[in-house]
Amino acid sequence: MQADLESGPWPYEGRRFAGIVVTNYLHRPLLPILVDSLEPQGMLLYETFARGNERFGKPSNPAFLLEPGELLEAVRGRLRVVAYEDRVVAEPRPAAIQRIAARRE
């Protein structure tokens, strides 16, 4: 499915998904909507750039970098965290990232 997720209302109102995958993208208003859009036992896999990435290049604007623990806060009390990382990776290029795997109970 394809949709413009920033310029209008959530296009999948009322739909639930068994899995949602987000990579290298941050639009904070979507975080609670994504969590709400999971079916029971549905998984959220989310990975994007974190604060500290500015030392490696772009993105460097804080508006596009997760704050420490921000993904954990986005799911706290709503999903069970299966795995979480907040680290610097070397591949495919050096970057500061956060990633989370979380399940709706």
PDB file of N, CA and C in Angstrom:
ATOM      1  N   MET A   1       0.840  -1.174   0.000  1.00  0.00           N
ATOM      2  CA  MET A   1       0.000   0.000   0.000  1.00  0.00           C
ATOM      3  C   MET A   1       0.886   1.239   0.000  1.00  0.00           C
ATOM      4  N   GLN A   2       0.409   2.281  -0.600  1.00  0.00           N
ATOM      5  CA  GLN A   2       1.175   3.512  -0.710  1.00  0.00           C
ATOM      6  C   GLN A   2       0.288   4.680  -0.330  1.00  0.00           C
ATOM      7  N   ALA A   3       0.837   5.620   0.437  1.00  0.00           N
ATOM      8  CA  ALA A   3       0.071   6.794   0.837  1.00  0.00           C
ATOM      9  C   ALA A   3       1.022   7.908   1.227  1.00  0.00           C
ATOM     10  N   ASP A   4       0.571   9.145   1.081  1.00  0.00           N
ATOM     11  CA  ASP A   4       1.304  10.295   1.584  1.00  0.00           C
ATOM     12  C   ASP A   4       0.949  10.419   3.058  1.00  0.00           C
ATOM     13  N   LEU A   5       1.890  10.143   3.919  1.00  0.00           N
ATOM     14  CA  LEU A   5       1.611  10.055   5.346  1.00  0.00           C
ATOM     15  C   LEU A   5       1.787  11.367   6.091  1.00  0.00           C
ATOM     16  N   GLU A   6       2.189  12.440   5.395  1.00  0.00           N
ATOM     17  CA  GLU A   6       2.445  13.693   6.083  1.00  0.00           C
ATOM     18  C   GLU A   6       1.481  14.809   5.722  1.00  0.00           C
ATOM     19  N   SER A   7       0.761  14.706   4.622  1.00  0.00           N
ATOM     20  CA  SER A   7      -0.024  15.858   4.177  1.00  0.00           C
ATOM     21  C   SER A   7      -1.526  15.692   4.334  1.00  0.00           C
ATOM     22  N   GLY A   8      -1.960  14.684   5.041  1.00  0.00           N
ATOM     23  CA  GLY A   8      -3.395  14.513   5.216  1.00  0.00           C
ATOM     24  C   GLY A   8      -3.681  13.606   6.379  1.00  0.00           C
ATOM     25  N   PRO A   9      -4.943  13.249   6.561  1.00  0.00           N
ATOM     26  CA  PRO A   9      -5.273  12.328   7.652  1.00  0.00           C
ATOM     27  C   PRO A   9      -4.721  10.929   7.366  1.00  0.00           C
ATOM     28  N   TRP A  10      -4.614  10.151   8.406  1.00  0.00           N
ATOM     29  CA  TRP A  10      -4.160   8.772   8.280  1.00  0.00           C
ATOM     30  C   TRP A  10      -5.078   8.057   7.296  1.00  0.00           C
ATOM     31  N   PRO A  11      -4.533   7.559   6.205  1.00  0.00           N
ATOM     32  CA  PRO A  11      -5.389   7.012   5.135  1.00  0.00           C
ATOM     33  C   PRO A  11      -5.969   5.629   5.435  1.00  0.00           C
ATOM     34  N   TYR A  12      -5.556   5.012   6.524  1.00  0.00           N
ATOM     35  CA  TYR A  12      -5.991   3.644   6.818  1.00  0.00           C
ATOM     36  C   TYR A  12      -6.834   3.593   8.091  1.00  0.00           C
ATOM     37  N   GLU A  13      -7.623   4.619   8.326  1.00  0.00           N
ATOM     38  CA  GLU A  13      -8.466   4.691   9.522  1.00  0.00           C
ATOM     39  C   GLU A  13      -9.297   3.420   9.674  1.00  0.00           C
ATOM     40  N   GLY A  14      -9.234   2.822  10.855  1.00  0.00           N
ATOM     41  CA  GLY A  14     -10.001   1.619  11.126  1.00  0.00           C
ATOM     42  C   GLY A  14      -9.343   0.326  10.691  1.00  0.00           C
ATOM     43  N   ARG A  15      -8.263   0.390   9.932  1.00  0.00           N
ATOM     44  CA  ARG A  15      -7.559  -0.829   9.494  1.00  0.00           C
ATOM     45  C   ARG A  15      -6.543  -1.225  10.548  1.00  0.00           C
ATOM     46  N   ARG A  16      -6.331  -2.512  10.692  1.00  0.00           N
ATOM     47  CA  ARG A  16      -5.333  -3.041  11.611  1.00  0.00           C
ATOM     48  C   ARG A  16      -4.369  -3.911  10.820  1.00  0.00           C
ATOM     49  N   PHE A  17      -3.128  -3.946  11.260  1.00  0.00           N
ATOM     50  CA  PHE A  17      -2.078  -4.642  10.524  1.00  0.00           C
ATOM     51  C   PHE A  17      -1.362  -5.631  11.434  1.00  0.00           C
ATOM     52  N   ALA A  18      -0.979  -6.770  10.861  1.00  0.00           N
ATOM     53  CA  ALA A  18      -0.219  -7.776  11.594  1.00  0.00           C
ATOM     54  C   ALA A  18       1.229  -7.338  11.783  1.00  0.00           C
ATOM     55  N   GLY A  19       1.714  -6.471  10.927  1.00  0.00           N
ATOM     56  CA  GLY A  19       3.076  -5.969  11.032  1.00  0.00           C
ATOM     57  C   GLY A  19       3.215  -4.616  10.372  1.00  0.00           C
ATOM     58  N   ILE A  20       4.012  -3.769  10.990  1.00  0.00           N
ATOM     59  CA  ILE A  20       4.340  -2.460  10.434  1.00  0.00           C
ATOM     60  C   ILE A  20       5.847  -2.316  10.519  1.00  0.00           C
ATOM     61  N   VAL A  21       6.475  -1.971   9.390  1.00  0.00           N
ATOM     62  CA  VAL A  21       7.922  -1.788   9.315  1.00  0.00           C
ATOM     63  C   VAL A  21       8.206  -0.363   8.873  1.00  0.00           C
ATOM     64  N   VAL A  22       9.051   0.325   9.636  1.00  0.00           N
ATOM     65  CA  VAL A  22       9.457   1.690   9.310  1.00  0.00           C
ATOM     66  C   VAL A  22      10.969   1.742   9.362  1.00  0.00           C
ATOM     67  N   THR A  23      11.582   2.261   8.289  1.00  0.00           N
ATOM     68  CA  THR A  23      13.038   2.420   8.278  1.00  0.00           C
ATOM     69  C   THR A  23      13.414   3.797   7.769  1.00  0.00           C
ATOM     70  N   ASN A  24      14.388   4.398   8.434  1.00  0.00           N
ATOM     71  CA  ASN A  24      14.977   5.669   8.014  1.00  0.00           C
ATOM     72  C   ASN A  24      13.935   6.758   7.775  1.00  0.00           C
ATOM     73  N   TYR A  25      12.960   6.846   8.664  1.00  0.00           N
ATOM     74  CA  TYR A  25      11.875   7.811   8.515  1.00  0.00           C
ATOM     75  C   TYR A  25      11.379   8.192   9.902  1.00  0.00           C
ATOM     76  N   LEU A  26      11.150   9.492  10.110  1.00  0.00           N
ATOM     77  CA  LEU A  26      10.608   9.951  11.382  1.00  0.00           C
ATOM     78  C   LEU A  26       9.634  11.094  11.136  1.00  0.00           C
ATOM     79  N   HIS A  27       8.378  10.837  11.428  1.00  0.00           N
ATOM     80  CA  HIS A  27       7.325  11.853  11.461  1.00  0.00           C
ATOM     81  C   HIS A  27       6.597  11.607  12.772  1.00  0.00           C
ATOM     82  N   ARG A  28       7.010  12.316  13.807  1.00  0.00           N
ATOM     83  CA  ARG A  28       6.563  12.029  15.175  1.00  0.00           C
ATOM     84  C   ARG A  28       5.049  11.916  15.335  1.00  0.00           C
ATOM     85  N   PRO A  29       4.234  12.729  14.654  1.00  0.00           N
ATOM     86  CA  PRO A  29       2.787  12.581  14.829  1.00  0.00           C
ATOM     87  C   PRO A  29       2.262  11.200  14.442  1.00  0.00           C
ATOM     88  N   LEU A  30       3.009  10.453  13.649  1.00  0.00           N
ATOM     89  CA  LEU A  30       2.564   9.122  13.234  1.00  0.00           C
ATOM     90  C   LEU A  30       2.823   8.033  14.273  1.00  0.00           C
ATOM     91  N   LEU A  31       3.749   8.240  15.183  1.00  0.00           N
ATOM     92  CA  LEU A  31       4.121   7.178  16.116  1.00  0.00           C
ATOM     93  C   LEU A  31       2.906   6.607  16.864  1.00  0.00           C
ATOM     94  N   PRO A  32       2.066   7.415  17.508  1.00  0.00           N
ATOM     95  CA  PRO A  32       0.922   6.807  18.210  1.00  0.00           C
ATOM     96  C   PRO A  32      -0.085   6.161  17.265  1.00  0.00           C
ATOM     97  N   ILE A  33      -0.221   6.687  16.068  1.00  0.00           N
ATOM     98  CA  ILE A  33      -1.146   6.107  15.086  1.00  0.00           C
ATOM     99  C   ILE A  33      -0.658   4.734  14.653  1.00  0.00           C
ATOM    100  N   LEU A  34       0.642   4.603  14.424  1.00  0.00           N
ATOM    101  CA  LEU A  34       1.199   3.309  14.043  1.00  0.00           C
ATOM    102  C   LEU A  34       0.975   2.275  15.145  1.00  0.00           C
ATOM    103  N   VAL A  35       1.211   2.671  16.378  1.00  0.00           N
ATOM    104  CA  VAL A  35       1.003   1.755  17.505  1.00  0.00           C
ATOM    105  C   VAL A  35      -0.462   1.330  17.561  1.00  0.00           C
ATOM    106  N   ASP A  36      -1.374   2.271  17.396  1.00  0.00           N
ATOM    107  CA  ASP A  36      -2.816   1.962  17.439  1.00  0.00           C
ATOM    108  C   ASP A  36      -3.270   1.104  16.269  1.00  0.00           C
ATOM    109  N   SER A  37      -2.496   1.052  15.198  1.00  0.00           N
ATOM    110  CA  SER A  37      -2.900   0.338  13.984  1.00  0.00           C
ATOM    111  C   SER A  37      -2.473  -1.125  13.963  1.00  0.00           C
ATOM    112  N   LEU A  38      -1.920  -1.608  15.057  1.00  0.00           N
ATOM    113  CA  LEU A  38      -1.506  -3.014  15.116  1.00  0.00           C
ATOM    114  C   LEU A  38      -2.649  -3.904  15.603  1.00  0.00           C
ATOM    115  N   GLU A  39      -2.778  -5.064  14.973  1.00  0.00           N
ATOM    116  CA  GLU A  39      -3.692  -6.099  15.445  1.00  0.00           C
ATOM    117  C   GLU A  39      -3.154  -6.682  16.749  1.00  0.00           C
ATOM    118  N   PRO A  40      -3.987  -7.410  17.505  1.00  0.00           N
ATOM    119  CA  PRO A  40      -3.441  -8.175  18.628  1.00  0.00           C
ATOM    120  C   PRO A  40      -2.342  -9.112  18.114  1.00  0.00           C
ATOM    121  N   GLN A  41      -1.248  -9.148  18.825  1.00  0.00           N
ATOM    122  CA  GLN A  41      -0.044  -9.900  18.480  1.00  0.00           C
ATOM    123  C   GLN A  41       0.713  -9.287  17.289  1.00  0.00           C
ATOM    124  N   GLY A  42       0.269  -8.147  16.785  1.00  0.00           N
ATOM    125  CA  GLY A  42       0.955  -7.473  15.682  1.00  0.00           C
ATOM    126  C   GLY A  42       2.295  -6.913  16.121  1.00  0.00           C
ATOM    127  N   MET A  43       3.239  -6.866  15.188  1.00  0.00           N
ATOM    128  CA  MET A  43       4.609  -6.417  15.471  1.00  0.00           C
ATOM    129  C   MET A  43       4.899  -5.078  14.811  1.00  0.00           C
ATOM    130  N   LEU A  44       5.568  -4.231  15.570  1.00  0.00           N
ATOM    131  CA  LEU A  44       6.117  -2.985  15.047  1.00  0.00           C
ATOM    132  C   LEU A  44       7.626  -3.135  15.009  1.00  0.00           C
ATOM    133  N   LEU A  45       8.206  -2.959  13.826  1.00  0.00           N
ATOM    134  CA  LEU A  45       9.658  -2.935  13.653  1.00  0.00           C
ATOM    135  C   LEU A  45       9.996  -1.535  13.159  1.00  0.00           C
ATOM    136  N   TYR A  46      10.776  -0.813  13.933  1.00  0.00           N
ATOM    137  CA  TYR A  46      11.042   0.589  13.615  1.00  0.00           C
ATOM    138  C   TYR A  46      12.530   0.854  13.799  1.00  0.00           C
ATOM    139  N   GLU A  47      13.157   1.433  12.781  1.00  0.00           N
ATOM    140  CA  GLU A  47      14.573   1.807  12.857  1.00  0.00           C
ATOM    141  C   GLU A  47      14.767   3.120  12.127  1.00  0.00           C
ATOM    142  N   THR A  48      15.381   4.079  12.818  1.00  0.00           N
ATOM    143  CA  THR A  48      15.718   5.336  12.160  1.00  0.00           C
ATOM    144  C   THR A  48      16.857   6.019  12.910  1.00  0.00           C
ATOM    145  N   PHE A  49      17.227   7.171  12.423  1.00  0.00           N
ATOM    146  CA  PHE A  49      18.396   7.879  12.939  1.00  0.00           C
ATOM    147  C   PHE A  49      18.115   8.504  14.300  1.00  0.00           C
ATOM    148  N   ALA A  50      19.165   8.559  15.109  1.00  0.00           N
ATOM    149  CA  ALA A  50      19.054   9.064  16.473  1.00  0.00           C
ATOM    150  C   ALA A  50      20.001  10.235  16.693  1.00  0.00           C
ATOM    151  N   ARG A  51      19.733  10.952  17.782  1.00  0.00           N
ATOM    152  CA  ARG A  51      20.615  12.044  18.196  1.00  0.00           C
ATOM    153  C   ARG A  51      22.040  11.499  18.235  1.00  0.00           C
ATOM    154  N   GLY A  52      22.980  12.261  17.711  1.00  0.00           N
ATOM    155  CA  GLY A  52      24.361  11.808  17.593  1.00  0.00           C
ATOM    156  C   GLY A  52      24.725  11.534  16.144  1.00  0.00           C
ATOM    157  N   ASN A  53      23.697  11.355  15.302  1.00  0.00           N
ATOM    158  CA  ASN A  53      23.972  11.095  13.890  1.00  0.00           C
ATOM    159  C   ASN A  53      24.587  12.303  13.197  1.00  0.00           C
ATOM    160  N   GLU A  54      24.390  13.495  13.753  1.00  0.00           N
ATOM    161  CA  GLU A  54      24.923  14.702  13.122  1.00  0.00           C
ATOM    162  C   GLU A  54      26.436  14.631  12.939  1.00  0.00           C
ATOM    163  N   ARG A  55      27.122  13.850  13.761  1.00  0.00           N
ATOM    164  CA  ARG A  55      28.580  13.741  13.594  1.00  0.00           C
ATOM    165  C   ARG A  55      28.975  12.876  12.403  1.00  0.00           C
ATOM    166  N   PHE A  56      28.016  12.137  11.831  1.00  0.00           N
ATOM    167  CA  PHE A  56      28.291  11.278  10.675  1.00  0.00           C
ATOM    168  C   PHE A  56      27.782  11.874   9.371  1.00  0.00           C
ATOM    169  N   GLY A  57      27.000  12.926   9.434  1.00  0.00           N
ATOM    170  CA  GLY A  57      26.424  13.521   8.229  1.00  0.00           C
ATOM    171  C   GLY A  57      24.928  13.663   8.372  1.00  0.00           C
ATOM    172  N   LYS A  58      24.216  13.503   7.288  1.00  0.00           N
ATOM    173  CA  LYS A  58      22.768  13.692   7.273  1.00  0.00           C
ATOM    174  C   LYS A  58      22.042  12.390   7.564  1.00  0.00           C
ATOM    175  N   PRO A  59      20.873  12.457   8.194  1.00  0.00           N
ATOM    176  CA  PRO A  59      20.253  13.683   8.667  1.00  0.00           C
ATOM    177  C   PRO A  59      20.969  14.218   9.911  1.00  0.00           C
ATOM    178  N   SER A  60      20.997  15.538  10.014  1.00  0.00           N
ATOM    179  CA  SER A  60      21.631  16.183  11.158  1.00  0.00           C
ATOM    180  C   SER A  60      20.688  17.137  11.872  1.00  0.00           C
ATOM    181  N   ASN A  61      19.555  17.422  11.280  1.00  0.00           N
ATOM    182  CA  ASN A  61      18.557  18.289  11.882  1.00  0.00           C
ATOM    183  C   ASN A  61      17.896  17.546  13.045  1.00  0.00           C
ATOM    184  N   PRO A  62      17.890  18.113  14.260  1.00  0.00           N
ATOM    185  CA  PRO A  62      17.282  17.430  15.403  1.00  0.00           C
ATOM    186  C   PRO A  62      15.819  17.048  15.185  1.00  0.00           C
ATOM    187  N   ALA A  63      15.120  17.731  14.306  1.00  0.00           N
ATOM    188  CA  ALA A  63      13.715  17.393  14.021  1.00  0.00           C
ATOM    189  C   ALA A  63      13.597  16.011  13.400  1.00  0.00           C
ATOM    190  N   PHE A  64      14.682  15.504  12.831  1.00  0.00           N
ATOM    191  CA  PHE A  64      14.662  14.201  12.158  1.00  0.00           C
ATOM    192  C   PHE A  64      15.506  13.154  12.880  1.00  0.00           C
ATOM    193  N   LEU A  65      15.865  13.439  14.129  1.00  0.00           N
ATOM    194  CA  LEU A  65      16.678  12.515  14.927  1.00  0.00           C
ATOM    195  C   LEU A  65      15.938  12.175  16.218  1.00  0.00           C
ATOM    196  N   LEU A  66      15.846  10.887  16.518  1.00  0.00           N
ATOM    197  CA  LEU A  66      15.203  10.457  17.751  1.00  0.00           C
ATOM    198  C   LEU A  66      16.005  10.889  18.975  1.00  0.00           C
ATOM    199  N   GLU A  67      15.306  11.311  19.995  1.00  0.00           N
ATOM    200  CA  GLU A  67      15.933  11.608  21.281  1.00  0.00           C
ATOM    201  C   GLU A  67      16.243  10.279  21.985  1.00  0.00           C
ATOM    202  N   PRO A  68      17.175  10.275  22.939  1.00  0.00           N
ATOM    203  CA  PRO A  68      17.461   9.035  23.661  1.00  0.00           C
ATOM    204  C   PRO A  68      16.181   8.431  24.260  1.00  0.00           C
ATOM    205  N   GLY A  69      15.955   7.162  23.981  1.00  0.00           N
ATOM    206  CA  GLY A  69      14.802   6.451  24.518  1.00  0.00           C
ATOM    207  C   GLY A  69      13.462   6.812  23.906  1.00  0.00           C
ATOM    208  N   GLU A  70      13.447   7.609  22.857  1.00  0.00           N
ATOM    209  CA  GLU A  70      12.176   8.067  22.293  1.00  0.00           C
ATOM    210  C   GLU A  70      11.301   6.930  21.770  1.00  0.00           C
ATOM    211  N   LEU A  71      11.892   5.937  21.126  1.00  0.00           N
ATOM    212  CA  LEU A  71      11.073   4.814  20.658  1.00  0.00           C
ATOM    213  C   LEU A  71      10.503   4.022  21.833  1.00  0.00           C
ATOM    214  N   LEU A  72      11.273   3.870  22.886  1.00  0.00           N
ATOM    215  CA  LEU A  72      10.754   3.180  24.068  1.00  0.00           C
ATOM    216  C   LEU A  72       9.554   3.928  24.646  1.00  0.00           C
ATOM    217  N   GLU A  73       9.660   5.234  24.715  1.00  0.00           N
ATOM    218  CA  GLU A  73       8.551   6.040  25.236  1.00  0.00           C
ATOM    219  C   GLU A  73       7.323   5.944  24.337  1.00  0.00           C
ATOM    220  N   ALA A  74       7.533   5.846  23.036  1.00  0.00           N
ATOM    221  CA  ALA A  74       6.407   5.795  22.093  1.00  0.00           C
ATOM    222  C   ALA A  74       5.543   4.549  22.288  1.00  0.00           C
ATOM    223  N   VAL A  75       6.132   3.472  22.803  1.00  0.00           N
ATOM    224  CA  VAL A  75       5.378   2.228  22.963  1.00  0.00           C
ATOM    225  C   VAL A  75       5.093   1.883  24.430  1.00  0.00           C
ATOM    226  N   ARG A  76       5.659   2.648  25.357  1.00  0.00           N
ATOM    227  CA  ARG A  76       5.530   2.341  26.792  1.00  0.00           C
ATOM    228  C   ARG A  76       4.061   2.200  27.191  1.00  0.00           C
ATOM    229  N   GLY A  77       3.751   1.076  27.828  1.00  0.00           N
ATOM    230  CA  GLY A  77       2.406   0.824  28.308  1.00  0.00           C
ATOM    231  C   GLY A  77       1.423   0.398  27.228  1.00  0.00           C
ATOM    232  N   ARG A  78       1.887   0.313  25.986  1.00  0.00           N
ATOM    233  CA  ARG A  78       0.995  -0.021  24.881  1.00  0.00           C
ATOM    234  C   ARG A  78       1.434  -1.269  24.130  1.00  0.00           C
ATOM    235  N   LEU A  79       2.746  -1.485  24.029  1.00  0.00           N
ATOM    236  CA  LEU A  79       3.297  -2.655  23.349  1.00  0.00           C
ATOM    237  C   LEU A  79       4.349  -3.281  24.250  1.00  0.00           C
ATOM    238  N   ARG A  80       4.592  -4.579  24.048  1.00  0.00           N
ATOM    239  CA  ARG A  80       5.673  -5.263  24.772  1.00  0.00           C
ATOM    240  C   ARG A  80       6.927  -5.203  23.932  1.00  0.00           C
ATOM    241  N   VAL A  81       7.986  -4.650  24.489  1.00  0.00           N
ATOM    242  CA  VAL A  81       9.254  -4.528  23.776  1.00  0.00           C
ATOM    243  C   VAL A  81       9.926  -5.896  23.742  1.00  0.00           C
ATOM    244  N   VAL A  82      10.208  -6.362  22.531  1.00  0.00           N
ATOM    245  CA  VAL A  82      10.901  -7.628  22.325  1.00  0.00           C
ATOM    246  C   VAL A  82      12.402  -7.381  22.204  1.00  0.00           C
ATOM    247  N   ALA A  83      12.780  -6.285  21.544  1.00  0.00           N
ATOM    248  CA  ALA A  83      14.190  -5.918  21.380  1.00  0.00           C
ATOM    249  C   ALA A  83      14.287  -4.418  21.167  1.00  0.00           C
ATOM    250  N   TYR A  84      15.392  -3.832  21.637  1.00  0.00           N
ATOM    251  CA  TYR A  84      15.622  -2.392  21.476  1.00  0.00           C
ATOM    252  C   TYR A  84      17.118  -2.154  21.430  1.00  0.00           C
ATOM    253  N   GLU A  85      17.529  -1.252  20.555  1.00  0.00           N
ATOM    254  CA  GLU A  85      18.926  -0.830  20.497  1.00  0.00           C
ATOM    255  C   GLU A  85      18.982   0.672  20.263  1.00  0.00           C
ATOM    256  N   ASP A  86      19.957   1.295  20.874  1.00  0.00           N
ATOM    257  CA  ASP A  86      20.283   2.703  20.659  1.00  0.00           C
ATOM    258  C   ASP A  86      21.801   2.718  20.560  1.00  0.00           C
ATOM    259  N   ARG A  87      22.310   2.759  19.316  1.00  0.00           N
ATOM    260  CA  ARG A  87      23.744   2.540  19.134  1.00  0.00           C
ATOM    261  C   ARG A  87      24.250   3.180  17.854  1.00  0.00           C
ATOM    262  N   VAL A  88      25.552   3.118  17.692  1.00  0.00           N
ATOM    263  CA  VAL A  88      26.208   3.530  16.455  1.00  0.00           C
ATOM    264  C   VAL A  88      26.522   2.270  15.673  1.00  0.00           C
ATOM    265  N   VAL A  89      26.175   2.277  14.389  1.00  0.00           N
ATOM    266  CA  VAL A  89      26.472   1.159  13.502  1.00  0.00           C
ATOM    267  C   VAL A  89      27.515   1.593  12.483  1.00  0.00           C
ATOM    268  N   ALA A  90      28.245   0.639  11.950  1.00  0.00           N
ATOM    269  CA  ALA A  90      29.260   0.929  10.940  1.00  0.00           C
ATOM    270  C   ALA A  90      28.749   0.673   9.531  1.00  0.00           C
ATOM    271  N   GLU A  91      27.789  -0.242   9.398  1.00  0.00           N
ATOM    272  CA  GLU A  91      27.281  -0.643   8.082  1.00  0.00           C
ATOM    273  C   GLU A  91      25.794  -0.346   7.978  1.00  0.00           C
ATOM    274  N   PRO A  92      25.272   0.050   6.844  1.00  0.00           N
ATOM    275  CA  PRO A  92      25.965   0.201   5.570  1.00  0.00           C
ATOM    276  C   PRO A  92      26.840   1.447   5.511  1.00  0.00           C
ATOM    277  N   ARG A  93      26.633   2.381   6.463  1.00  0.00           N
ATOM    278  CA  ARG A  93      27.535   3.513   6.648  1.00  0.00           C
ATOM    279  C   ARG A  93      27.430   3.909   8.105  1.00  0.00           C
ATOM    280  N   PRO A  94      28.445   4.558   8.662  1.00  0.00           N
ATOM    281  CA  PRO A  94      28.366   4.947  10.070  1.00  0.00           C
ATOM    282  C   PRO A  94      27.133   5.811  10.330  1.00  0.00           C
ATOM    283  N   ALA A  95      26.405   5.467  11.392  1.00  0.00           N
ATOM    284  CA  ALA A  95      25.193   6.207  11.747  1.00  0.00           C
ATOM    285  C   ALA A  95      24.820   5.913  13.189  1.00  0.00           C
ATOM    286  N   ALA A  96      24.189   6.884  13.831  1.00  0.00           N
ATOM    287  CA  ALA A  96      23.588   6.686  15.148  1.00  0.00           C
ATOM    288  C   ALA A  96      22.129   6.324  14.910  1.00  0.00           C
ATOM    289  N   ILE A  97      21.694   5.208  15.468  1.00  0.00           N
ATOM    290  CA  ILE A  97      20.333   4.730  15.203  1.00  0.00           C
ATOM    291  C   ILE A  97      19.658   4.264  16.494  1.00  0.00           C
ATOM    292  N   GLN A  98      18.342   4.194  16.420  1.00  0.00           N
ATOM    293  CA  GLN A  98      17.545   3.459  17.387  1.00  0.00           C
ATOM    294  C   GLN A  98      16.721   2.479  16.591  1.00  0.00           C
ATOM    295  N   ARG A  99      16.520   1.301  17.168  1.00  0.00           N
ATOM    296  CA  ARG A  99      15.627   0.315  16.546  1.00  0.00           C
ATOM    297  C   ARG A  99      14.872  -0.411  17.642  1.00  0.00           C
ATOM    298  N   ILE A 100      13.634  -0.765  17.299  1.00  0.00           N
ATOM    299  CA  ILE A 100      12.782  -1.445  18.263  1.00  0.00           C
ATOM    300  C   ILE A 100      11.955  -2.494  17.569  1.00  0.00           C
ATOM    301  N   ALA A 101      11.731  -3.590  18.253  1.00  0.00           N
ATOM    302  CA  ALA A 101      10.763  -4.601  17.857  1.00  0.00           C
ATOM    303  C   ALA A 101       9.809  -4.711  19.034  1.00  0.00           C
ATOM    304  N   ALA A 102       8.523  -4.451  18.786  1.00  0.00           N
ATOM    305  CA  ALA A 102       7.547  -4.450  19.876  1.00  0.00           C
ATOM    306  C   ALA A 102       6.246  -5.075  19.392  1.00  0.00           C
ATOM    307  N   ARG A 103       5.554  -5.762  20.325  1.00  0.00           N
ATOM    308  CA  ARG A 103       4.342  -6.513  19.969  1.00  0.00           C
ATOM    309  C   ARG A 103       3.159  -6.037  20.809  1.00  0.00           C
ATOM    310  N   ARG A 104       2.026  -5.958  20.138  1.00  0.00           N
ATOM    311  CA  ARG A 104       0.781  -5.703  20.856  1.00  0.00           C
ATOM    312  C   ARG A 104       0.358  -7.003  21.522  1.00  0.00           C
ATOM    313  N   GLU A 105       0.044  -6.952  22.792  1.00  0.00           N
ATOM    314  CA  GLU A 105      -0.362  -8.141  23.537  1.00  0.00           C
ATOM    315  C   GLU A 105      -1.821  -8.452  23.284  1.00  0.00           C
TER     316      GLU A 105
END
